[in-house]
N, C-alpha and C. Protein backbone atom coordinates (compact mmCIF):
# COMPACT_ATOMS: atom_id res chain seq x y z
N PRO A 1 0.83 -1.19 0.00
CA PRO A 1 0.00 0.00 0.00
C PRO A 1 0.87 1.25 0.00
N THR A 2 0.46 2.25 -0.75
CA THR A 2 1.20 3.52 -0.82
C THR A 2 0.91 4.33 0.45
N PRO A 3 1.91 5.06 0.92
CA PRO A 3 1.69 5.86 2.13
C PRO A 3 0.76 7.04 1.83
N LEU A 4 0.06 7.48 2.86
CA LEU A 4 -0.86 8.60 2.69
C LEU A 4 -0.10 9.90 2.42
N LEU A 5 1.00 10.08 3.08
CA LEU A 5 1.82 11.28 2.88
C LEU A 5 3.14 10.86 2.23
N THR A 6 3.56 11.57 1.19
CA THR A 6 4.82 11.27 0.53
C THR A 6 5.98 11.89 1.31
N ALA A 7 7.18 11.60 0.87
CA ALA A 7 8.37 12.16 1.53
C ALA A 7 8.40 13.68 1.37
N ASP A 8 7.97 14.18 0.22
CA ASP A 8 7.92 15.64 0.01
C ASP A 8 6.89 16.27 0.93
N ASP A 9 5.74 15.60 1.12
CA ASP A 9 4.73 16.12 2.03
C ASP A 9 5.26 16.16 3.46
N LEU A 10 5.94 15.12 3.86
CA LEU A 10 6.51 15.09 5.22
C LEU A 10 7.60 16.14 5.40
N GLY A 11 8.34 16.42 4.33
CA GLY A 11 9.41 17.42 4.42
C GLY A 11 8.92 18.84 4.56
N SER A 12 7.74 19.14 4.01
CA SER A 12 7.22 20.52 4.07
C SER A 12 6.19 20.70 5.17
N LEU A 13 5.93 19.68 5.96
CA LEU A 13 4.89 19.71 7.00
C LEU A 13 5.33 20.56 8.18
N LEU A 14 4.46 21.48 8.62
CA LEU A 14 4.73 22.29 9.81
C LEU A 14 3.84 21.92 10.98
N ILE A 15 2.54 21.69 10.69
CA ILE A 15 1.57 21.36 11.73
C ILE A 15 0.77 20.15 11.26
N PHE A 16 0.55 19.21 12.15
CA PHE A 16 -0.28 18.04 11.86
C PHE A 16 -1.24 17.88 13.03
N GLU A 17 -2.53 18.11 12.79
CA GLU A 17 -3.54 18.03 13.84
C GLU A 17 -4.60 17.01 13.46
N LYS A 18 -4.96 16.16 14.38
CA LYS A 18 -6.02 15.18 14.15
C LYS A 18 -7.35 15.84 14.53
N LEU A 19 -8.27 15.97 13.57
CA LEU A 19 -9.55 16.62 13.83
C LEU A 19 -10.57 15.62 14.39
N CYS A 20 -10.68 14.48 13.78
CA CYS A 20 -11.57 13.41 14.25
C CYS A 20 -10.92 12.09 13.85
N ASP A 21 -11.66 11.01 13.93
CA ASP A 21 -11.07 9.71 13.62
C ASP A 21 -10.63 9.58 12.16
N ASP A 22 -11.36 10.24 11.25
CA ASP A 22 -11.08 10.07 9.82
C ASP A 22 -10.31 11.22 9.19
N TRP A 23 -10.36 12.40 9.77
CA TRP A 23 -9.79 13.58 9.12
C TRP A 23 -8.68 14.21 9.95
N VAL A 24 -7.68 14.74 9.22
CA VAL A 24 -6.57 15.47 9.85
C VAL A 24 -6.38 16.80 9.11
N ARG A 25 -5.73 17.72 9.79
CA ARG A 25 -5.40 19.03 9.20
C ARG A 25 -3.89 19.12 9.11
N GLU A 26 -3.39 19.45 7.92
CA GLU A 26 -1.95 19.60 7.70
C GLU A 26 -1.67 21.03 7.25
N VAL A 27 -0.65 21.62 7.81
CA VAL A 27 -0.18 22.94 7.36
C VAL A 27 1.21 22.72 6.80
N HIS A 28 1.39 23.09 5.53
CA HIS A 28 2.66 22.90 4.84
C HIS A 28 3.28 24.25 4.51
N ARG A 29 4.57 24.28 4.37
CA ARG A 29 5.28 25.48 3.90
C ARG A 29 5.68 25.26 2.45
N PHE A 30 5.78 26.34 1.71
CA PHE A 30 6.26 26.27 0.33
C PHE A 30 7.78 26.12 0.35
N ASN A 31 8.32 25.37 -0.60
CA ASN A 31 9.76 25.15 -0.65
C ASN A 31 10.48 26.14 -1.56
N SER A 32 9.75 26.89 -2.38
CA SER A 32 10.40 27.82 -3.31
C SER A 32 10.86 29.08 -2.58
N GLN A 33 11.86 29.74 -3.14
CA GLN A 33 12.39 30.96 -2.54
C GLN A 33 11.36 32.10 -2.60
N ARG A 34 10.60 32.15 -3.68
CA ARG A 34 9.65 33.25 -3.86
C ARG A 34 8.51 33.17 -2.84
N LYS A 35 8.08 31.96 -2.48
CA LYS A 35 6.96 31.78 -1.57
C LYS A 35 7.38 31.20 -0.22
N LYS A 36 8.63 31.40 0.18
CA LYS A 36 9.13 30.70 1.36
C LYS A 36 8.46 31.12 2.66
N ARG A 37 7.81 32.29 2.71
CA ARG A 37 7.14 32.72 3.93
C ARG A 37 5.64 32.40 3.91
N MET A 38 5.19 31.73 2.86
CA MET A 38 3.77 31.43 2.73
C MET A 38 3.51 29.96 3.09
N ASN A 39 2.27 29.68 3.50
CA ASN A 39 1.87 28.34 3.90
C ASN A 39 0.56 27.97 3.21
N PHE A 40 0.26 26.67 3.19
CA PHE A 40 -1.03 26.21 2.69
C PHE A 40 -1.54 25.08 3.56
N VAL A 41 -2.89 24.95 3.61
CA VAL A 41 -3.55 23.99 4.48
C VAL A 41 -4.20 22.91 3.63
N ILE A 42 -4.08 21.66 4.08
CA ILE A 42 -4.74 20.52 3.43
C ILE A 42 -5.48 19.74 4.51
N PHE A 43 -6.74 19.41 4.25
CA PHE A 43 -7.49 18.49 5.10
C PHE A 43 -7.46 17.15 4.39
N ARG A 44 -7.06 16.09 5.10
CA ARG A 44 -6.88 14.77 4.48
C ARG A 44 -7.68 13.73 5.26
N SER A 45 -8.33 12.84 4.52
CA SER A 45 -9.07 11.75 5.17
C SER A 45 -8.18 10.51 5.20
N CYS A 46 -8.63 9.49 5.94
CA CYS A 46 -7.84 8.27 6.02
C CYS A 46 -7.89 7.48 4.71
N GLU A 47 -8.83 7.85 3.79
CA GLU A 47 -8.84 7.25 2.44
C GLU A 47 -7.99 8.06 1.47
N ASN A 48 -7.24 9.03 1.98
CA ASN A 48 -6.35 9.92 1.22
C ASN A 48 -7.12 10.88 0.31
N LYS A 49 -8.30 11.29 0.74
CA LYS A 49 -9.05 12.32 0.03
C LYS A 49 -8.59 13.67 0.57
N LYS A 50 -8.21 14.61 -0.33
CA LYS A 50 -7.65 15.89 0.07
C LYS A 50 -8.64 17.01 -0.22
N ILE A 51 -8.77 17.93 0.73
CA ILE A 51 -9.62 19.11 0.59
C ILE A 51 -8.79 20.30 1.04
N THR A 52 -8.95 21.45 0.38
CA THR A 52 -8.12 22.61 0.71
C THR A 52 -8.85 23.68 1.50
N SER A 53 -10.18 23.57 1.68
CA SER A 53 -10.87 24.62 2.45
C SER A 53 -11.70 24.01 3.56
N LEU A 54 -11.93 24.80 4.59
CA LEU A 54 -12.71 24.36 5.73
C LEU A 54 -14.20 24.22 5.37
N GLU A 55 -14.68 25.05 4.43
CA GLU A 55 -16.08 24.98 4.00
C GLU A 55 -16.37 23.65 3.32
N GLU A 56 -15.44 23.18 2.49
CA GLU A 56 -15.62 21.89 1.83
C GLU A 56 -15.66 20.76 2.85
N LEU A 57 -14.85 20.85 3.88
CA LEU A 57 -14.83 19.83 4.92
C LEU A 57 -16.16 19.82 5.67
N LYS A 58 -16.70 21.01 5.96
CA LYS A 58 -17.98 21.09 6.67
C LYS A 58 -19.11 20.49 5.84
N GLU A 59 -19.04 20.62 4.52
CA GLU A 59 -20.06 20.02 3.65
C GLU A 59 -19.97 18.49 3.67
N LEU A 60 -18.77 17.94 3.76
CA LEU A 60 -18.60 16.49 3.74
C LEU A 60 -18.98 15.82 5.07
N LEU A 61 -18.73 16.51 6.16
CA LEU A 61 -18.97 15.92 7.48
C LEU A 61 -20.42 16.09 7.90
N GLU A 62 -20.95 15.11 8.62
CA GLU A 62 -22.31 15.18 9.12
C GLU A 62 -22.38 16.04 10.38
N ASP A 63 -21.47 15.79 11.32
CA ASP A 63 -21.45 16.54 12.58
C ASP A 63 -20.24 17.47 12.56
N THR A 64 -20.48 18.77 12.50
CA THR A 64 -19.38 19.75 12.44
C THR A 64 -19.27 20.55 13.72
N SER A 65 -19.91 20.14 14.77
CA SER A 65 -19.89 20.89 16.03
C SER A 65 -18.48 20.93 16.64
N PHE A 66 -17.71 19.87 16.45
CA PHE A 66 -16.35 19.85 17.01
C PHE A 66 -15.44 20.85 16.31
N LEU A 67 -15.74 21.21 15.04
CA LEU A 67 -14.91 22.18 14.32
C LEU A 67 -15.10 23.59 14.85
N GLU A 68 -16.28 23.90 15.37
CA GLU A 68 -16.55 25.24 15.90
C GLU A 68 -15.84 25.48 17.22
N THR A 69 -15.65 24.43 18.01
CA THR A 69 -14.98 24.59 19.31
C THR A 69 -13.49 24.29 19.24
N ALA A 70 -13.03 23.68 18.16
CA ALA A 70 -11.61 23.31 18.04
C ALA A 70 -10.76 24.55 17.79
N GLU A 71 -9.60 24.59 18.42
CA GLU A 71 -8.64 25.67 18.18
C GLU A 71 -7.61 25.16 17.18
N LEU A 72 -7.65 25.73 15.99
CA LEU A 72 -6.71 25.31 14.95
C LEU A 72 -5.47 26.18 15.05
N LYS A 73 -4.33 25.55 15.12
CA LYS A 73 -3.07 26.26 15.30
C LYS A 73 -2.63 26.90 13.99
N SER A 74 -2.15 28.12 14.07
CA SER A 74 -1.70 28.85 12.89
C SER A 74 -0.21 28.60 12.65
N ALA A 75 0.20 28.69 11.39
CA ALA A 75 1.62 28.54 11.06
C ALA A 75 2.42 29.76 11.47
N PHE A 76 1.71 30.84 11.86
CA PHE A 76 2.39 32.06 12.28
C PHE A 76 2.45 32.18 13.80
N SER A 77 2.08 31.14 14.52
CA SER A 77 2.19 31.18 15.98
C SER A 77 3.68 31.17 16.36
N HIS A 78 3.95 31.70 17.54
CA HIS A 78 5.34 31.92 17.94
C HIS A 78 6.17 30.63 17.98
N ASP A 79 5.61 29.55 18.52
CA ASP A 79 6.40 28.33 18.65
C ASP A 79 6.70 27.68 17.30
N ILE A 80 5.90 27.96 16.27
CA ILE A 80 6.17 27.42 14.94
C ILE A 80 7.19 28.29 14.22
N VAL A 81 7.00 29.61 14.26
CA VAL A 81 7.88 30.54 13.55
C VAL A 81 9.30 30.50 14.13
N SER A 82 9.41 30.39 15.44
CA SER A 82 10.74 30.44 16.06
C SER A 82 11.51 29.13 15.92
N ASN A 83 10.81 28.03 15.60
CA ASN A 83 11.51 26.73 15.51
C ASN A 83 10.84 25.87 14.44
N LYS A 84 11.06 26.21 13.18
CA LYS A 84 10.40 25.47 12.09
C LYS A 84 10.94 24.05 11.96
N VAL A 85 12.20 23.85 12.24
CA VAL A 85 12.78 22.50 12.14
C VAL A 85 12.17 21.60 13.22
N GLY A 86 12.06 22.13 14.44
CA GLY A 86 11.46 21.36 15.52
C GLY A 86 9.99 21.09 15.27
N ALA A 87 9.28 22.08 14.71
CA ALA A 87 7.86 21.90 14.39
C ALA A 87 7.70 20.83 13.32
N ASN A 88 8.58 20.81 12.33
CA ASN A 88 8.53 19.80 11.27
C ASN A 88 8.75 18.41 11.85
N LYS A 89 9.69 18.30 12.78
CA LYS A 89 10.00 17.01 13.39
C LYS A 89 8.79 16.48 14.18
N ILE A 90 8.15 17.35 14.95
CA ILE A 90 6.98 16.95 15.73
C ILE A 90 5.84 16.56 14.82
N ALA A 91 5.62 17.35 13.76
CA ALA A 91 4.51 17.08 12.83
C ALA A 91 4.75 15.77 12.06
N ARG A 92 5.99 15.51 11.64
CA ARG A 92 6.29 14.25 10.93
C ARG A 92 6.04 13.04 11.82
N LYS A 93 6.44 13.15 13.08
CA LYS A 93 6.24 12.05 14.01
C LYS A 93 4.74 11.77 14.19
N ALA A 94 3.94 12.83 14.34
CA ALA A 94 2.49 12.66 14.50
C ALA A 94 1.87 12.10 13.22
N ALA A 95 2.34 12.55 12.06
CA ALA A 95 1.80 12.08 10.78
C ALA A 95 2.12 10.60 10.57
N LYS A 96 3.32 10.20 10.89
CA LYS A 96 3.69 8.79 10.73
C LYS A 96 2.87 7.90 11.67
N ALA A 97 2.62 8.36 12.87
CA ALA A 97 1.80 7.59 13.81
C ALA A 97 0.38 7.48 13.30
N TRP A 98 -0.17 8.57 12.75
CA TRP A 98 -1.54 8.55 12.21
C TRP A 98 -1.63 7.64 10.98
N MET A 99 -0.62 7.69 10.11
CA MET A 99 -0.63 6.82 8.93
C MET A 99 -0.59 5.35 9.33
N ALA A 100 0.22 5.03 10.32
CA ALA A 100 0.31 3.64 10.77
C ALA A 100 -1.00 3.21 11.42
N GLU A 101 -1.60 4.11 12.18
CA GLU A 101 -2.86 3.80 12.85
C GLU A 101 -4.00 3.62 11.85
N SER A 102 -4.03 4.46 10.83
CA SER A 102 -5.11 4.38 9.84
C SER A 102 -4.94 3.16 8.92
N SER A 103 -3.73 2.66 8.79
CA SER A 103 -3.52 1.47 7.97
C SER A 103 -3.72 0.19 8.77
N GLY A 104 -4.05 0.31 10.05
CA GLY A 104 -4.36 -0.87 10.86
C GLY A 104 -3.26 -1.27 11.80
N ARG A 105 -2.07 -0.69 11.69
CA ARG A 105 -0.97 -1.03 12.58
C ARG A 105 -0.92 -0.02 13.71
N LYS A 106 -0.47 -0.44 14.83
CA LYS A 106 -0.26 0.48 15.94
C LYS A 106 1.23 0.69 16.09
N VAL A 107 1.64 1.95 16.18
CA VAL A 107 3.06 2.28 16.30
C VAL A 107 3.29 2.93 17.65
N GLY A 108 4.29 2.48 18.33
CA GLY A 108 4.71 3.12 19.58
C GLY A 108 3.82 2.78 20.76
N SER A 109 2.76 1.97 20.60
CA SER A 109 1.90 1.68 21.73
C SER A 109 2.43 0.53 22.56
N GLU A 110 3.16 -0.38 21.94
CA GLU A 110 3.70 -1.52 22.66
C GLU A 110 5.15 -1.23 23.04
N PRO A 111 5.49 -1.49 24.28
CA PRO A 111 6.88 -1.27 24.67
C PRO A 111 7.78 -2.33 24.05
N LYS A 112 8.98 -1.94 23.79
CA LYS A 112 9.95 -2.88 23.22
C LYS A 112 10.37 -3.87 24.30
N VAL A 113 10.44 -5.13 23.93
CA VAL A 113 10.86 -6.17 24.86
C VAL A 113 12.30 -6.52 24.54
N VAL A 114 13.12 -6.42 25.52
CA VAL A 114 14.53 -6.74 25.34
C VAL A 114 14.80 -8.06 26.06
N LYS A 115 15.31 -9.01 25.31
CA LYS A 115 15.62 -10.30 25.91
C LYS A 115 17.03 -10.24 26.48
N ALA A 116 17.11 -10.59 27.74
CA ALA A 116 18.41 -10.58 28.39
C ALA A 116 18.86 -12.02 28.60
N THR A 117 20.09 -12.28 28.29
CA THR A 117 20.63 -13.62 28.52
C THR A 117 21.50 -13.56 29.76
N ILE A 118 21.29 -14.55 30.61
CA ILE A 118 22.05 -14.59 31.86
C ILE A 118 22.97 -15.80 31.79
N LYS A 119 24.23 -15.54 31.96
CA LYS A 119 25.21 -16.62 31.98
C LYS A 119 25.42 -17.05 33.41
N GLU A 120 25.52 -18.35 33.58
CA GLU A 120 25.81 -18.85 34.91
C GLU A 120 27.32 -18.84 35.12
N VAL A 121 27.73 -18.19 36.16
CA VAL A 121 29.15 -18.10 36.49
C VAL A 121 29.44 -19.09 37.60
N PRO A 122 30.41 -20.00 37.40
CA PRO A 122 30.70 -20.97 38.47
C PRO A 122 31.25 -20.25 39.69
N LEU A 123 30.82 -20.73 40.85
CA LEU A 123 31.29 -20.12 42.09
C LEU A 123 32.69 -20.62 42.40
N LEU A 124 33.48 -19.78 42.94
CA LEU A 124 34.83 -20.16 43.36
C LEU A 124 34.74 -20.90 44.69
N LYS A 125 35.69 -21.82 44.92
CA LYS A 125 35.71 -22.53 46.18
C LYS A 125 36.04 -21.55 47.29
N GLU A 126 35.32 -21.69 48.35
CA GLU A 126 35.59 -20.80 49.47
C GLU A 126 36.70 -21.39 50.32
N ALA A 127 37.69 -20.59 50.61
CA ALA A 127 38.80 -21.03 51.45
C ALA A 127 38.34 -20.95 52.90
N PRO A 128 38.76 -21.91 53.74
CA PRO A 128 38.35 -21.84 55.15
C PRO A 128 38.99 -20.61 55.81
N VAL A 129 38.24 -19.99 56.64
CA VAL A 129 38.71 -18.80 57.33
C VAL A 129 39.48 -19.24 58.56
N GLU A 130 40.73 -18.79 58.68
CA GLU A 130 41.53 -19.14 59.84
C GLU A 130 41.23 -18.15 60.94
N GLU A 131 41.19 -18.69 62.16
CA GLU A 131 40.94 -17.79 63.28
C GLU A 131 42.24 -17.08 63.62
N ALA A 132 42.15 -15.81 63.84
CA ALA A 132 43.33 -15.02 64.16
C ALA A 132 43.67 -15.19 65.63
N ALA A 133 44.94 -15.03 65.96
CA ALA A 133 45.39 -15.14 67.34
C ALA A 133 44.78 -13.98 68.12
N PRO A 134 44.45 -14.23 69.39
CA PRO A 134 43.86 -13.14 70.17
C PRO A 134 44.87 -12.01 70.38
N VAL A 135 44.38 -10.85 70.40
CA VAL A 135 45.23 -9.67 70.55
C VAL A 135 45.48 -9.45 72.03
N GLU A 136 46.77 -9.32 72.38
CA GLU A 136 47.12 -9.07 73.77
C GLU A 136 47.07 -7.59 74.03
N GLU A 137 46.66 -7.25 75.23
CA GLU A 137 46.59 -5.84 75.57
C GLU A 137 47.99 -5.35 75.88
N ALA A 138 48.32 -4.19 75.44
CA ALA A 138 49.65 -3.62 75.66
C ALA A 138 49.72 -3.09 77.09
N ALA A 139 50.94 -3.13 77.64
CA ALA A 139 51.16 -2.63 79.00
C ALA A 139 51.08 -1.12 78.98
N PRO A 140 50.61 -0.52 80.04
CA PRO A 140 50.52 0.95 80.05
C PRO A 140 51.91 1.58 79.99
N VAL A 141 52.01 2.73 79.43
CA VAL A 141 53.27 3.44 79.25
C VAL A 141 53.65 4.09 80.58
N GLU A 142 54.91 3.84 81.02
CA GLU A 142 55.39 4.43 82.26
C GLU A 142 56.37 5.54 81.94
N GLU A 143 56.38 6.56 82.81
CA GLU A 143 57.33 7.65 82.61
C GLU A 143 58.68 7.18 83.16
N VAL A 144 59.74 7.29 82.35
CA VAL A 144 61.02 6.73 82.74
C VAL A 144 61.88 7.75 83.46
N ALA A 145 62.06 8.95 82.92
CA ALA A 145 62.94 9.91 83.56
C ALA A 145 62.30 11.29 83.47
N VAL A 146 62.59 12.08 84.51
CA VAL A 146 62.08 13.44 84.53
C VAL A 146 63.19 14.34 84.04
N VAL A 147 62.90 15.24 83.15
CA VAL A 147 63.91 16.13 82.61
C VAL A 147 64.06 17.31 83.56
N GLU A 148 65.35 17.54 83.97
CA GLU A 148 65.62 18.67 84.85
C GLU A 148 66.00 19.87 84.02
N GLU A 149 65.78 21.03 84.60
CA GLU A 149 66.13 22.24 83.87
C GLU A 149 67.64 22.42 83.90
N ALA A 150 68.21 22.83 82.79
CA ALA A 150 69.66 23.02 82.70
C ALA A 150 70.03 24.41 83.19
N ALA A 151 71.30 24.54 83.65
CA ALA A 151 71.79 25.83 84.12
C ALA A 151 71.98 26.76 82.93
N PRO A 152 71.82 28.05 83.15
CA PRO A 152 71.98 28.98 82.02
C PRO A 152 73.43 28.97 81.51
N VAL A 153 73.58 29.13 80.21
CA VAL A 153 74.89 29.10 79.57
C VAL A 153 75.39 30.54 79.46
N GLU A 154 76.70 30.75 79.81
CA GLU A 154 77.28 32.09 79.69
C GLU A 154 77.89 32.24 78.31
N VAL A 155 77.65 33.39 77.71
CA VAL A 155 78.16 33.65 76.37
C VAL A 155 79.36 34.58 76.52
N ILE A 156 80.52 34.15 75.99
CA ILE A 156 81.75 34.96 76.05
C ILE A 156 82.10 35.34 74.63
N GLU A 157 82.29 36.67 74.44
CA GLU A 157 82.64 37.13 73.11
C GLU A 157 84.15 37.24 73.01
N VAL A 158 84.72 36.71 71.96
CA VAL A 158 86.15 36.77 71.74
C VAL A 158 86.38 37.81 70.66
N VAL A 159 87.21 38.84 71.00
CA VAL A 159 87.47 39.91 70.04
C VAL A 159 88.95 39.83 69.67
N ALA A 160 89.25 39.82 68.35
CA ALA A 160 90.63 39.74 67.89
C ALA A 160 91.28 41.12 68.06
N PRO A 161 92.59 41.15 68.50
CA PRO A 161 93.24 42.46 68.68
C PRO A 161 93.51 43.13 67.33
N VAL A 162 93.47 44.45 67.34
CA VAL A 162 93.69 45.22 66.12
C VAL A 162 95.18 45.52 66.03
N GLU A 163 95.81 45.21 64.88
CA GLU A 163 97.22 45.47 64.69
C GLU A 163 97.41 46.86 64.15
N ALA A 164 98.51 47.51 64.55
CA ALA A 164 98.79 48.87 64.08
C ALA A 164 99.32 48.79 62.67
N ALA A 165 98.91 49.71 61.85
CA ALA A 165 99.32 49.71 60.45
C ALA A 165 100.66 50.42 60.33
N ALA A 166 101.48 50.00 59.37
CA ALA A 166 102.78 50.61 59.14
C ALA A 166 102.58 51.97 58.48
N PRO A 167 103.49 52.94 58.76
CA PRO A 167 103.33 54.26 58.13
C PRO A 167 103.57 54.17 56.62
N VAL A 168 102.92 55.07 55.93
CA VAL A 168 102.99 55.09 54.48
C VAL A 168 104.30 55.77 54.08
N GLU A 169 105.10 55.16 53.21
CA GLU A 169 106.36 55.73 52.77
C GLU A 169 106.18 56.34 51.39
N GLU A 170 106.91 57.46 51.13
CA GLU A 170 106.83 58.05 49.81
C GLU A 170 107.77 57.30 48.91
N VAL A 171 107.33 56.95 47.78
CA VAL A 171 108.11 56.12 46.91
C VAL A 171 108.94 56.94 45.95
N ALA A 172 108.39 57.95 45.32
CA ALA A 172 109.12 58.72 44.33
C ALA A 172 109.04 60.19 44.69
N VAL A 173 110.17 60.86 44.55
CA VAL A 173 110.21 62.28 44.83
C VAL A 173 110.17 63.00 43.49
N VAL A 174 109.32 63.99 43.37
CA VAL A 174 109.19 64.73 42.12
C VAL A 174 110.15 65.91 42.20
N GLU A 175 111.04 66.02 41.18
CA GLU A 175 111.98 67.13 41.15
C GLU A 175 111.35 68.29 40.43
N GLU A 176 111.77 69.50 40.84
CA GLU A 176 111.22 70.67 40.17
C GLU A 176 112.01 70.89 38.90
N ALA A 177 111.33 71.31 37.88
CA ALA A 177 111.96 71.54 36.59
C ALA A 177 112.46 72.98 36.54
N ALA A 178 113.43 73.23 35.67
CA ALA A 178 113.98 74.57 35.51
C ALA A 178 112.93 75.44 34.84
N PRO A 179 112.91 76.72 35.16
CA PRO A 179 111.90 77.59 34.55
C PRO A 179 112.10 77.68 33.05
N VAL A 180 111.00 77.82 32.34
CA VAL A 180 111.02 77.86 30.89
C VAL A 180 111.15 79.32 30.49
N GLU A 181 112.10 79.59 29.58
CA GLU A 181 112.27 80.96 29.10
C GLU A 181 111.45 81.17 27.85
N VAL A 182 110.78 82.30 27.79
CA VAL A 182 109.96 82.60 26.63
C VAL A 182 110.77 83.51 25.74
N ILE A 183 110.99 83.13 24.50
CA ILE A 183 111.76 83.94 23.55
C ILE A 183 110.77 84.44 22.53
N GLU A 184 110.82 85.74 22.36
CA GLU A 184 109.88 86.33 21.43
C GLU A 184 110.61 86.58 20.13
N VAL A 185 110.06 86.09 19.04
CA VAL A 185 110.70 86.26 17.74
C VAL A 185 109.86 87.27 16.99
N VAL A 186 110.52 88.28 16.55
CA VAL A 186 109.80 89.33 15.81
C VAL A 186 110.31 89.24 14.37
N ALA A 187 109.38 89.21 13.45
CA ALA A 187 109.73 89.10 12.04
C ALA A 187 110.00 90.50 11.51
N PRO A 188 111.02 90.66 10.66
CA PRO A 188 111.31 91.99 10.12
C PRO A 188 110.19 92.42 9.18
N VAL A 189 109.87 93.66 9.19
CA VAL A 189 108.80 94.18 8.35
C VAL A 189 109.40 94.54 7.01
N GLU A 190 108.87 94.12 5.98
CA GLU A 190 109.39 94.39 4.65
C GLU A 190 108.66 95.63 4.10
N ALA A 191 109.41 96.39 3.38
CA ALA A 191 108.83 97.60 2.82
C ALA A 191 108.02 97.24 1.61
N ALA A 192 106.97 97.98 1.45
CA ALA A 192 106.12 97.66 0.29
C ALA A 192 106.77 98.20 -0.95
N ALA A 193 106.71 97.56 -2.02
CA ALA A 193 107.43 97.98 -3.21
C ALA A 193 106.59 98.77 -4.13
């Protein structure tokens, strides 16, 4: 049997609401860039009959009283607009459960049974427990010697004697030099010619 919703339908699904036993409401988003902020609504029956307006659905149904009291969620509500990927995931999960239910199978209602295998582990031989020797009580501690206070110690400072330094001797004597005579040389003046 072909699925009620195709992979493309599941990929563009934003909201999936079950209206009654036979009919559901799907809100899809457009995948094109030009219409990416626009949405469209499809009402689908379990026989895969599709209707695009609420008026057509009211004409097909005998009892429409539940539609007047039902709150239909908009694609522009805050939780859908702020998290379209999460909304798609929730809607796909609900759609798959509805498809399985409408085809006669129940999905997710039975818990998974996990078979556990238990291996028998051989027990180790228990070694006999030896009784420990009784613990003897220790003799009380006796004080052996009393410490007496020692006499105060005298501190003697030893100071090394200071030796007298030898007088400083002059090593070289500077002799005075003879006075320098200044000789003045005067150049003869030549007569102008």
